[in-house]
Structure formats: C-alpha cells, structure tokens
C-alpha cells in the first residue's frame, strides 16, 4: 500500500514539475523563426541581412553607415537571449535593446567627460539607444553597453584584462543574455556577468541587430545570429 502511495505521489510531483516547466517555456517568444525575416526591418544603413541555415546573416557593405535589423515591436521589461558568431573578428557588431528609430532629425544634448555640454544631431531613421557590444577576444569589450548615436560612449564595459573581458570566444557561437527590469540592466556572455547597472534613460524600445560600418573596405564581413528569443517580465 505504501509503495503504491509513494509511486502515486512521485508521479503527481513529476507531472506538476513538467506542467510548471511547460508554462515557463510558453512565456518565451521566438523573435526569429529560422526561415524568414518576418517582423523585422532594416534601418539607418544598407548592409544586407538574409536567412541562411537557420541563422540571420548580416553582411557589411562598402560605404554603408551602421545598419540595424530591427523588430517591429517594442519591449520594456524582459530577458533577451541569443547566440552570435563573428565570421571575422575584424567586424565589430552589437545588439540594440530598448532602442528607438528616429522619426525625424533629432538633437541630443549631453555632458561630455569634461562636464561640458555638447550636442549631437542624428537624421531620420537613425537607430539610437542601448547596445550590447559584440567584439573579438583581443578587444575584450563584449557584453559592455554602448549608447549608440545618443551619448555615443560606453559607460558600462568590462575592465581590461578581467575575467569579464575574456568571456567572448572567437570562431565559435557565443551565448548572450540581457536582463531589463525597470531601470536595472544586466548583461551576461557565455554565463559570465559582464555589466550590472541602473540607468533610466530608456525604459522601452526595439531590438536591433547591428552590422557596423566598414568605410570603404570591400571585405564582405559577416556576423550571424540564431536562437533569438525574449521572455516578457511586464
């Protein structure tokens, strides 16, 4: 009798655990279906984006400004996860989050590092806001957060030579996780916490995959993304 009761309780616990896990999995939203770029659009530049073998491939184009493949939906509080691969470590890249697309020409005023006010003008269609850095091992900045086209500086970044600066690996897929809740932001690369800070300049916005400008270089630098998903915390 006791054995039967134990087996019944065990089965019930396993069923409950499976149910909870399934509920958690259902909350994740897949942003890339592995086949099309539905739900995304290109802004700021004319670098190309295509789907290849279940990945999004961004390719640099001579003369193009920084380009961004952006979600058509905005998000506020969330956990964003994705994997990224740099075909060539010479190409710097990143992923925008809680970012905006300028509807018209805009002017930003911020204090520089010397405490002096300076302005920055951006054109219509320019993507601006938080960007998590994707860079080679030698640069050591991956996982840091840059304020694209707005503050135009990297207030939060790994210290040179630290464990955090060595989290990214060349020639392999790297996993990223970005956690945003209120003014709290945390970035994680390959399981290593890179930044953990508070900033309330933007509390909502799009996700954008960046292909950096390469000037007049004709090399077809490429960066790849896959398994892009988001868990809403609203």
C-alpha atoms as a PDB file:
ATOM      1  CA  UNK A   1       0.000   0.000   0.000  1.00  0.00           C
ATOM      2  CA  UNK A   2       2.816   2.357   0.978  1.00  0.00           C
ATOM      3  CA  UNK A   3       4.700   1.554  -2.225  1.00  0.00           C
ATOM      4  CA  UNK A   4       1.625   2.317  -4.320  1.00  0.00           C
ATOM      5  CA  UNK A   5       1.039   5.590  -2.457  1.00  0.00           C
ATOM      6  CA  UNK A   6       4.700   6.597  -2.896  1.00  0.00           C
ATOM      7  CA  UNK A   7       4.530   5.840  -6.623  1.00  0.00           C
ATOM      8  CA  UNK A   8       1.343   7.891  -6.957  1.00  0.00           C
ATOM      9  CA  UNK A   9       2.853  10.860  -5.131  1.00  0.00           C
ATOM     10  CA  UNK A  10       6.033  10.651  -7.199  1.00  0.00           C
ATOM     11  CA  UNK A  11       4.039  10.619 -10.438  1.00  0.00           C
ATOM     12  CA  UNK A  12       1.997  13.613  -9.241  1.00  0.00           C
ATOM     13  CA  UNK A  13       5.140  15.587  -8.386  1.00  0.00           C
ATOM     14  CA  UNK A  14       6.723  14.791 -11.761  1.00  0.00           C
ATOM     15  CA  UNK A  15       3.537  15.838 -13.546  1.00  0.00           C
ATOM     16  CA  UNK A  16       3.386  19.101 -11.603  1.00  0.00           C
ATOM     17  CA  UNK A  17       7.061  19.803 -12.356  1.00  0.00           C
ATOM     18  CA  UNK A  18       6.505  19.138 -16.062  1.00  0.00           C
ATOM     19  CA  UNK A  19       3.463  21.442 -16.034  1.00  0.00           C
ATOM     20  CA  UNK A  20       5.436  24.269 -14.409  1.00  0.00           C
ATOM     21  CA  UNK A  21       8.294  23.843 -16.884  1.00  0.00           C
ATOM     22  CA  UNK A  22       5.901  23.907 -19.820  1.00  0.00           C
ATOM     23  CA  UNK A  23       4.245  27.070 -18.502  1.00  0.00           C
ATOM     24  CA  UNK A  24       7.662  28.718 -18.237  1.00  0.00           C
ATOM     25  CA  UNK A  25       8.592  27.679 -21.759  1.00  0.00           C
ATOM     26  CA  UNK A  26       5.352  29.053 -23.161  1.00  0.00           C
ATOM     27  CA  UNK A  27       6.233  32.563 -21.958  1.00  0.00           C
ATOM     28  CA  UNK A  28       9.267  32.767 -24.219  1.00  0.00           C
ATOM     29  CA  UNK A  29       8.641  34.489 -27.552  1.00  0.00           C
ATOM     30  CA  UNK A  30      10.756  33.424 -30.534  1.00  0.00           C
ATOM     31  CA  UNK A  31      11.775  36.578 -32.424  1.00  0.00           C
ATOM     32  CA  UNK A  32      13.308  34.714 -35.385  1.00  0.00           C
ATOM     33  CA  UNK A  33      11.532  31.712 -36.887  1.00  0.00           C
ATOM     34  CA  UNK A  34      14.680  30.357 -38.550  1.00  0.00           C
ATOM     35  CA  UNK A  35      13.243  30.746 -42.047  1.00  0.00           C
ATOM     36  CA  UNK A  36      12.152  34.351 -42.696  1.00  0.00           C
ATOM     37  CA  UNK A  37      12.744  37.910 -41.515  1.00  0.00           C
ATOM     38  CA  UNK A  38       9.058  38.457 -40.795  1.00  0.00           C
ATOM     39  CA  UNK A  39       8.622  41.016 -38.030  1.00  0.00           C
ATOM     40  CA  UNK A  40      11.954  42.711 -38.765  1.00  0.00           C
ATOM     41  CA  UNK A  41      13.020  45.694 -40.918  1.00  0.00           C
ATOM     42  CA  UNK A  42      16.341  47.373 -41.812  1.00  0.00           C
ATOM     43  CA  UNK A  43      17.143  50.929 -40.678  1.00  0.00           C
ATOM     44  CA  UNK A  44      19.961  53.517 -40.647  1.00  0.00           C
ATOM     45  CA  UNK A  45      22.124  51.873 -43.332  1.00  0.00           C
ATOM     46  CA  UNK A  46      22.016  49.459 -46.260  1.00  0.00           C
ATOM     47  CA  UNK A  47      24.031  46.464 -45.055  1.00  0.00           C
ATOM     48  CA  UNK A  48      22.304  43.248 -46.100  1.00  0.00           C
ATOM     49  CA  UNK A  49      20.542  40.662 -43.963  1.00  0.00           C
ATOM     50  CA  UNK A  50      19.481  37.202 -45.092  1.00  0.00           C
ATOM     51  CA  UNK A  51      18.445  33.848 -43.666  1.00  0.00           C
ATOM     52  CA  UNK A  52      20.937  31.013 -44.138  1.00  0.00           C
ATOM     53  CA  UNK A  53      20.835  27.571 -42.488  1.00  0.00           C
ATOM     54  CA  UNK A  54      18.532  28.733 -39.715  1.00  0.00           C
ATOM     55  CA  UNK A  55      20.567  31.839 -38.906  1.00  0.00           C
ATOM     56  CA  UNK A  56      20.325  35.560 -39.659  1.00  0.00           C
ATOM     57  CA  UNK A  57      23.426  36.636 -41.583  1.00  0.00           C
ATOM     58  CA  UNK A  58      24.336  40.323 -41.606  1.00  0.00           C
ATOM     59  CA  UNK A  59      26.907  41.393 -44.185  1.00  0.00           C
ATOM     60  CA  UNK A  60      28.837  44.657 -44.260  1.00  0.00           C
ATOM     61  CA  UNK A  61      28.627  46.765 -47.421  1.00  0.00           C
ATOM     62  CA  UNK A  62      31.206  49.326 -48.535  1.00  0.00           C
ATOM     63  CA  UNK A  63      30.041  52.868 -47.770  1.00  0.00           C
ATOM     64  CA  UNK A  64      27.064  51.914 -45.607  1.00  0.00           C
ATOM     65  CA  UNK A  65      26.562  53.605 -42.231  1.00  0.00           C
ATOM     66  CA  UNK A  66      25.876  51.421 -39.194  1.00  0.00           C
ATOM     67  CA  UNK A  67      22.885  49.256 -40.138  1.00  0.00           C
ATOM     68  CA  UNK A  68      20.283  47.604 -37.915  1.00  0.00           C
ATOM     69  CA  UNK A  69      17.756  44.841 -38.494  1.00  0.00           C
ATOM     70  CA  UNK A  70      15.054  45.885 -36.035  1.00  0.00           C
ATOM     71  CA  UNK A  71      11.980  44.288 -34.529  1.00  0.00           C
ATOM     72  CA  UNK A  72       8.747  45.995 -35.460  1.00  0.00           C
ATOM     73  CA  UNK A  73       7.605  45.597 -31.854  1.00  0.00           C
ATOM     74  CA  UNK A  74       8.881  47.411 -28.771  1.00  0.00           C
ATOM     75  CA  UNK A  75       9.643  45.781 -25.415  1.00  0.00           C
ATOM     76  CA  UNK A  76      10.102  47.182 -21.919  1.00  0.00           C
ATOM     77  CA  UNK A  77      10.895  44.671 -19.133  1.00  0.00           C
ATOM     78  CA  UNK A  78      12.319  41.406 -20.457  1.00  0.00           C
ATOM     79  CA  UNK A  79      15.048  38.801 -20.653  1.00  0.00           C
ATOM     80  CA  UNK A  80      16.571  38.592 -24.147  1.00  0.00           C
ATOM     81  CA  UNK A  81      18.689  35.626 -25.204  1.00  0.00           C
ATOM     82  CA  UNK A  82      20.523  34.929 -28.461  1.00  0.00           C
ATOM     83  CA  UNK A  83      23.638  33.304 -29.898  1.00  0.00           C
ATOM     84  CA  UNK A  84      26.097  35.140 -32.127  1.00  0.00           C
ATOM     85  CA  UNK A  85      29.054  34.179 -34.339  1.00  0.00           C
ATOM     86  CA  UNK A  86      31.562  36.583 -35.891  1.00  0.00           C
ATOM     87  CA  UNK A  87      32.813  35.148 -39.183  1.00  0.00           C
ATOM     88  CA  UNK A  88      35.726  37.570 -38.994  1.00  0.00           C
ATOM     89  CA  UNK A  89      36.883  39.125 -35.701  1.00  0.00           C
ATOM     90  CA  UNK A  90      37.687  42.315 -37.617  1.00  0.00           C
ATOM     91  CA  UNK A  91      33.953  43.097 -37.746  1.00  0.00           C
ATOM     92  CA  UNK A  92      32.618  44.857 -34.675  1.00  0.00           C
ATOM     93  CA  UNK A  93      28.909  44.312 -34.021  1.00  0.00           C
ATOM     94  CA  UNK A  94      26.223  44.580 -31.375  1.00  0.00           C
ATOM     95  CA  UNK A  95      22.568  44.194 -30.499  1.00  0.00           C
ATOM     96  CA  UNK A  96      20.367  47.171 -29.683  1.00  0.00           C
ATOM     97  CA  UNK A  97      17.806  46.894 -26.893  1.00  0.00           C
ATOM     98  CA  UNK A  98      15.277  49.388 -25.549  1.00  0.00           C
ATOM     99  CA  UNK A  99      16.291  51.475 -28.548  1.00  0.00           C
ATOM    100  CA  UNK A 100      14.420  53.886 -30.808  1.00  0.00           C
ATOM    101  CA  UNK A 101      14.268  54.723 -34.514  1.00  0.00           C
ATOM    102  CA  UNK A 102      14.283  58.475 -35.125  1.00  0.00           C
ATOM    103  CA  UNK A 103      11.116  59.552 -36.933  1.00  0.00           C
ATOM    104  CA  UNK A 104      12.745  62.859 -37.909  1.00  0.00           C
ATOM    105  CA  UNK A 105      16.019  64.690 -37.367  1.00  0.00           C
ATOM    106  CA  UNK A 106      16.793  64.913 -33.651  1.00  0.00           C
ATOM    107  CA  UNK A 107      19.286  66.776 -31.477  1.00  0.00           C
ATOM    108  CA  UNK A 108      20.646  65.368 -28.206  1.00  0.00           C
ATOM    109  CA  UNK A 109      22.430  67.377 -25.518  1.00  0.00           C
ATOM    110  CA  UNK A 110      24.702  65.642 -23.009  1.00  0.00           C
ATOM    111  CA  UNK A 111      27.676  66.488 -20.828  1.00  0.00           C
ATOM    112  CA  UNK A 112      30.953  65.088 -22.112  1.00  0.00           C
ATOM    113  CA  UNK A 113      33.660  63.543 -19.920  1.00  0.00           C
ATOM    114  CA  UNK A 114      34.919  67.039 -19.067  1.00  0.00           C
ATOM    115  CA  UNK A 115      31.457  68.037 -17.872  1.00  0.00           C
ATOM    116  CA  UNK A 116      30.822  70.352 -20.809  1.00  0.00           C
ATOM    117  CA  UNK A 117      27.554  70.289 -22.726  1.00  0.00           C
ATOM    118  CA  UNK A 118      27.743  69.176 -26.335  1.00  0.00           C
ATOM    119  CA  UNK A 119      25.105  68.425 -28.953  1.00  0.00           C
ATOM    120  CA  UNK A 120      24.695  65.577 -31.384  1.00  0.00           C
ATOM    121  CA  UNK A 121      22.343  65.635 -34.368  1.00  0.00           C
ATOM    122  CA  UNK A 122      21.041  62.435 -35.945  1.00  0.00           C
ATOM    123  CA  UNK A 123      18.982  62.070 -39.144  1.00  0.00           C
ATOM    124  CA  UNK A 124      15.583  60.473 -39.568  1.00  0.00           C
ATOM    125  CA  UNK A 125      15.598  56.659 -39.469  1.00  0.00           C
ATOM    126  CA  UNK A 126      18.747  56.587 -37.289  1.00  0.00           C
ATOM    127  CA  UNK A 127      18.653  53.903 -34.592  1.00  0.00           C
ATOM    128  CA  UNK A 128      19.801  55.089 -31.163  1.00  0.00           C
ATOM    129  CA  UNK A 129      19.964  53.733 -27.621  1.00  0.00           C
ATOM    130  CA  UNK A 130      21.494  50.907 -25.605  1.00  0.00           C
ATOM    131  CA  UNK A 131      23.688  48.445 -27.484  1.00  0.00           C
ATOM    132  CA  UNK A 132      25.338  45.343 -26.042  1.00  0.00           C
ATOM    133  CA  UNK A 133      28.771  45.016 -27.592  1.00  0.00           C
ATOM    134  CA  UNK A 134      29.919  42.089 -29.771  1.00  0.00           C
ATOM    135  CA  UNK A 135      33.664  42.241 -30.371  1.00  0.00           C
ATOM    136  CA  UNK A 136      36.678  39.974 -30.775  1.00  0.00           C
ATOM    137  CA  UNK A 137      38.688  38.397 -27.950  1.00  0.00           C
ATOM    138  CA  UNK A 138      41.527  40.887 -28.434  1.00  0.00           C
ATOM    139  CA  UNK A 139      39.244  43.899 -27.983  1.00  0.00           C
ATOM    140  CA  UNK A 140      37.732  42.448 -24.798  1.00  0.00           C
ATOM    141  CA  UNK A 141      34.637  44.670 -24.775  1.00  0.00           C
ATOM    142  CA  UNK A 142      31.940  42.077 -25.483  1.00  0.00           C
ATOM    143  CA  UNK A 143      28.964  42.395 -23.174  1.00  0.00           C
ATOM    144  CA  UNK A 144      29.690  46.029 -22.439  1.00  0.00           C
ATOM    145  CA  UNK A 145      26.900  48.525 -23.110  1.00  0.00           C
ATOM    146  CA  UNK A 146      27.370  51.420 -25.554  1.00  0.00           C
ATOM    147  CA  UNK A 147      24.883  54.249 -26.029  1.00  0.00           C
ATOM    148  CA  UNK A 148      24.549  54.224 -29.827  1.00  0.00           C
ATOM    149  CA  UNK A 149      24.158  57.636 -31.550  1.00  0.00           C
ATOM    150  CA  UNK A 150      22.996  59.286 -28.322  1.00  0.00           C
ATOM    151  CA  UNK A 151      25.626  59.595 -25.570  1.00  0.00           C
ATOM    152  CA  UNK A 152      27.994  57.935 -28.108  1.00  0.00           C
ATOM    153  CA  UNK A 153      30.108  56.435 -25.370  1.00  0.00           C
ATOM    154  CA  UNK A 154      30.381  53.168 -23.483  1.00  0.00           C
ATOM    155  CA  UNK A 155      29.608  53.957 -19.838  1.00  0.00           C
ATOM    156  CA  UNK A 156      29.480  50.305 -18.801  1.00  0.00           C
ATOM    157  CA  UNK A 157      32.186  47.948 -20.017  1.00  0.00           C
ATOM    158  CA  UNK A 158      34.474  45.153 -18.743  1.00  0.00           C
ATOM    159  CA  UNK A 159      37.803  46.155 -17.217  1.00  0.00           C
ATOM    160  CA  UNK A 160      40.781  45.364 -19.430  1.00  0.00           C
ATOM    161  CA  UNK A 161      42.361  42.012 -18.550  1.00  0.00           C
ATOM    162  CA  UNK A 162      39.476  40.975 -16.287  1.00  0.00           C
ATOM    163  CA  UNK A 163      37.594  37.662 -16.409  1.00  0.00           C
ATOM    164  CA  UNK A 164      34.658  39.577 -17.881  1.00  0.00           C
ATOM    165  CA  UNK A 165      36.783  40.917 -20.753  1.00  0.00           C
ATOM    166  CA  UNK A 166      37.678  37.351 -21.742  1.00  0.00           C
ATOM    167  CA  UNK A 167      34.165  35.892 -21.804  1.00  0.00           C
ATOM    168  CA  UNK A 168      33.777  36.096 -25.601  1.00  0.00           C
ATOM    169  CA  UNK A 169      35.388  33.423 -27.794  1.00  0.00           C
ATOM    170  CA  UNK A 170      36.481  33.849 -31.402  1.00  0.00           C
ATOM    171  CA  UNK A 171      35.496  31.295 -34.061  1.00  0.00           C
ATOM    172  CA  UNK A 172      32.553  29.844 -32.148  1.00  0.00           C
ATOM    173  CA  UNK A 173      28.981  30.583 -31.162  1.00  0.00           C
ATOM    174  CA  UNK A 174      28.652  32.816 -28.091  1.00  0.00           C
ATOM    175  CA  UNK A 175      25.539  32.990 -25.921  1.00  0.00           C
ATOM    176  CA  UNK A 176      24.216  36.353 -24.734  1.00  0.00           C
ATOM    177  CA  UNK A 177      21.580  37.216 -22.139  1.00  0.00           C
ATOM    178  CA  UNK A 178      20.256  40.722 -21.437  1.00  0.00           C
ATOM    179  CA  UNK A 179      18.014  41.333 -18.416  1.00  0.00           C
ATOM    180  CA  UNK A 180      15.992  44.560 -18.171  1.00  0.00           C
ATOM    181  CA  UNK A 181      13.622  45.324 -15.295  1.00  0.00           C
ATOM    182  CA  UNK A 182      12.731  48.929 -14.593  1.00  0.00           C
ATOM    183  CA  UNK A 183      15.997  50.878 -14.535  1.00  0.00           C
ATOM    184  CA  UNK A 184      18.031  47.742 -13.809  1.00  0.00           C
ATOM    185  CA  UNK A 185      20.108  46.300 -16.679  1.00  0.00           C
ATOM    186  CA  UNK A 186      22.362  43.257 -16.633  1.00  0.00           C
ATOM    187  CA  UNK A 187      24.332  41.625 -19.472  1.00  0.00           C
ATOM    188  CA  UNK A 188      25.744  38.101 -19.499  1.00  0.00           C
ATOM    189  CA  UNK A 189      28.079  36.484 -22.066  1.00  0.00           C
ATOM    190  CA  UNK A 190      28.661  32.729 -22.006  1.00  0.00           C
ATOM    191  CA  UNK A 191      27.415  32.593 -18.421  1.00  0.00           C
ATOM    192  CA  UNK A 192      29.686  35.414 -17.194  1.00  0.00           C
ATOM    193  CA  UNK A 193      28.006  38.561 -15.812  1.00  0.00           C
ATOM    194  CA  UNK A 194      29.616  41.454 -17.683  1.00  0.00           C
ATOM    195  CA  UNK A 195      27.634  44.515 -16.560  1.00  0.00           C
ATOM    196  CA  UNK A 196      25.077  45.142 -13.831  1.00  0.00           C
ATOM    197  CA  UNK A 197      23.928  48.750 -13.562  1.00  0.00           C
ATOM    198  CA  UNK A 198      20.971  51.106 -13.288  1.00  0.00           C
ATOM    199  CA  UNK A 199      20.010  53.685 -15.919  1.00  0.00           C
ATOM    200  CA  UNK A 200      16.578  55.124 -16.678  1.00  0.00           C
ATOM    201  CA  UNK A 201      17.237  56.996 -19.921  1.00  0.00           C
ATOM    202  CA  UNK A 202      15.216  54.425 -21.910  1.00  0.00           C
ATOM    203  CA  UNK A 203      12.683  52.039 -20.423  1.00  0.00           C
ATOM    204  CA  UNK A 204      11.205  50.687 -23.659  1.00  0.00           C
ATOM    205  CA  UNK A 205      12.182  50.146 -27.275  1.00  0.00           C
ATOM    206  CA  UNK A 206      13.053  47.835 -30.156  1.00  0.00           C
ATOM    207  CA  UNK A 207      15.637  45.075 -30.504  1.00  0.00           C
ATOM    208  CA  UNK A 208      18.128  45.622 -33.343  1.00  0.00           C
ATOM    209  CA  UNK A 209      20.919  43.506 -34.858  1.00  0.00           C
ATOM    210  CA  UNK A 210      23.844  45.689 -35.894  1.00  0.00           C
ATOM    211  CA  UNK A 211      26.223  45.439 -38.832  1.00  0.00           C
ATOM    212  CA  UNK A 212      28.900  48.058 -38.223  1.00  0.00           C
ATOM    213  CA  UNK A 213      30.033  50.421 -40.959  1.00  0.00           C
ATOM    214  CA  UNK A 214      33.355  49.473 -42.575  1.00  0.00           C
ATOM    215  CA  UNK A 215      34.035  52.669 -44.512  1.00  0.00           C
ATOM    216  CA  UNK A 216      35.482  51.958 -47.953  1.00  0.00           C
ATOM    217  CA  UNK A 217      36.599  48.431 -47.076  1.00  0.00           C
ATOM    218  CA  UNK A 218      35.172  45.984 -49.629  1.00  0.00           C
ATOM    219  CA  UNK A 219      35.684  42.884 -47.452  1.00  0.00           C
ATOM    220  CA  UNK A 220      32.311  41.091 -47.060  1.00  0.00           C
ATOM    221  CA  UNK A 221      32.493  40.851 -43.247  1.00  0.00           C
ATOM    222  CA  UNK A 222      29.651  38.791 -41.788  1.00  0.00           C
ATOM    223  CA  UNK A 223      28.017  38.259 -38.403  1.00  0.00           C
ATOM    224  CA  UNK A 224      25.423  35.576 -37.611  1.00  0.00           C
ATOM    225  CA  UNK A 225      22.633  35.268 -35.042  1.00  0.00           C
ATOM    226  CA  UNK A 226      20.372  32.388 -34.049  1.00  0.00           C
ATOM    227  CA  UNK A 227      18.042  31.232 -31.248  1.00  0.00           C
ATOM    228  CA  UNK A 228      16.785  34.764 -30.645  1.00  0.00           C
ATOM    229  CA  UNK A 229      14.060  34.718 -28.004  1.00  0.00           C
ATOM    230  CA  UNK A 230      12.565  37.021 -25.372  1.00  0.00           C
ATOM    231  CA  UNK A 231      10.801  36.469 -22.058  1.00  0.00           C
ATOM    232  CA  UNK A 232       8.464  39.326 -21.118  1.00  0.00           C
ATOM    233  CA  UNK A 233       8.573  40.460 -17.498  1.00  0.00           C
ATOM    234  CA  UNK A 234       5.871  43.148 -17.709  1.00  0.00           C
END
